Protein backbone atom coordinates (compact mmCIF):
# COMPACT_ATOMS: atom_id res chain seq x y z
CA MET A 1 -25.63 12.28 64.61
CA ARG A 2 -22.73 14.17 63.19
CA LEU A 3 -22.77 15.73 59.72
CA PRO A 4 -19.77 15.06 57.45
CA ASN A 5 -17.15 17.72 57.18
CA LEU A 6 -18.05 19.64 53.99
CA SER A 7 -15.24 22.12 54.00
CA LEU A 8 -14.76 24.26 50.91
CA HIS A 9 -11.23 22.97 50.36
CA HIS A 10 -12.40 19.35 50.25
CA ILE A 11 -15.16 20.11 47.70
CA GLN A 12 -12.75 22.05 45.49
CA THR A 13 -10.32 19.13 45.50
CA ARG A 14 -13.06 16.76 44.41
CA ILE A 15 -14.20 19.11 41.65
CA VAL A 16 -10.64 19.56 40.37
CA ALA A 17 -10.03 15.81 40.51
CA ALA A 18 -13.26 15.10 38.62
CA PHE A 19 -12.37 17.75 36.02
CA VAL A 20 -8.90 16.27 35.55
CA VAL A 21 -10.33 12.77 35.16
CA VAL A 22 -12.85 14.00 32.57
CA MET A 23 -10.13 15.89 30.66
CA VAL A 24 -7.79 12.88 30.64
CA ALA A 25 -10.60 10.56 29.53
CA THR A 26 -11.55 12.98 26.76
CA GLY A 27 -7.94 13.20 25.61
CA VAL A 28 -7.48 9.44 25.59
CA ALA A 29 -10.75 8.92 23.70
CA SER A 30 -9.77 11.59 21.15
CA LEU A 31 -6.35 10.03 20.61
CA ALA A 32 -7.92 6.59 20.21
CA LEU A 33 -10.40 7.87 17.61
CA ILE A 34 -7.69 9.74 15.73
CA HIS A 35 -5.49 6.63 15.71
CA VAL A 36 -8.29 4.38 14.44
CA ASN A 37 -9.36 6.89 11.78
CA GLY A 38 -5.77 7.46 10.67
CA THR A 39 -5.11 3.74 10.43
CA LEU A 40 -8.24 3.14 8.36
CA THR A 41 -7.41 6.04 6.06
CA ALA A 42 -3.83 4.85 5.58
CA ARG A 43 -4.96 1.30 4.80
CA LYS A 44 -7.50 2.51 2.27
CA ALA A 45 -4.95 4.77 0.60
CA ALA A 46 -2.40 1.94 0.48
CA THR A 47 -4.97 -0.44 -0.99
CA ASP A 48 -5.95 2.09 -3.64
CA GLN A 49 -2.31 2.76 -4.54
CA VAL A 50 -1.50 -0.94 -4.78
CA ALA A 51 -4.51 -1.47 -7.04
CA ALA A 52 -3.44 1.43 -9.25
CA GLY A 53 0.13 0.13 -9.35
CA ALA A 54 -1.06 -3.36 -10.28
CA LYS A 55 -3.19 -1.93 -13.08
CA SER A 56 -0.24 0.09 -14.40
CA PHE A 57 2.04 -2.94 -14.20
CA GLU A 58 -0.45 -5.09 -16.11
CA ARG A 59 -0.73 -2.39 -18.77
CA LEU A 60 3.06 -2.22 -19.10
CA LEU A 61 3.22 -6.02 -19.48
CA GLU A 62 0.54 -5.86 -22.14
CA LEU A 63 2.40 -3.14 -24.05
CA ASP A 64 5.66 -5.09 -23.79
CA SER A 65 3.94 -8.21 -25.12
CA GLN A 66 2.48 -6.25 -28.02
CA ARG A 67 5.91 -4.80 -28.79
CA LEU A 68 7.50 -8.28 -28.78
CA VAL A 69 4.78 -9.66 -31.06
CA GLU A 70 5.22 -6.75 -33.47
CA GLY A 71 8.99 -7.27 -33.48
CA ALA A 72 8.54 -10.96 -34.22
CA ARG A 73 6.15 -10.13 -37.06
CA LEU A 74 8.60 -7.66 -38.56
CA LEU A 75 11.44 -10.18 -38.37
CA ALA A 76 9.27 -12.95 -39.83
CA ALA A 77 8.32 -10.68 -42.72
CA ASP A 78 12.00 -10.02 -43.58
CA PRO A 79 13.13 -12.57 -46.20
CA ALA A 80 16.82 -12.12 -45.41
CA PHE A 81 16.22 -12.85 -41.72
CA ARG A 82 14.14 -15.93 -42.52
CA ASP A 83 16.85 -17.31 -44.82
CA ALA A 84 19.54 -16.69 -42.21
CA ALA A 85 17.42 -18.31 -39.51
CA ILE A 86 16.81 -21.39 -41.67
CA ARG A 87 20.51 -21.78 -42.61
CA SER A 88 22.02 -21.23 -39.15
CA PRO A 89 22.60 -24.25 -36.92
CA PRO A 90 20.27 -24.60 -33.93
CA PRO A 91 21.60 -23.22 -30.66
CA GLY A 92 23.02 -25.76 -28.27
CA PRO A 93 26.24 -27.43 -27.26
CA SER A 94 28.78 -27.56 -30.00
CA SER A 95 29.66 -31.03 -31.31
CA SER A 96 33.25 -30.23 -32.26
CA GLY A 97 34.55 -32.60 -29.72
C-alpha cells in the first residue's frame, strides 16, 4: 500500500487556499452585516425625520388656521367692513348682459 504524496509544497498550497477562503468569507460576511445595519439605520432615521416633518407641518397648519380665524374675527368686529360687506353685491357672474 502506497502512502499519499504529502510534499511540503502541496500542504502549503492547501493552507494558503484555506486561509484565502476564510478571509474572503469573513469579508463577505462583514460587508453583508454592514449593509444590513446601514440599511436599518437609514430607514429608522428616515422614518424619524418624516414623523418630525409631519408634526411640524401639522403645527404650521394649526398656526395658519388660528391666524385665519383671528383675521376673520378682527374683520367681523370692524363696523365699516361689515357695512361694506352687507352693501356689496355677491360675487358671481355679472348680469349686465
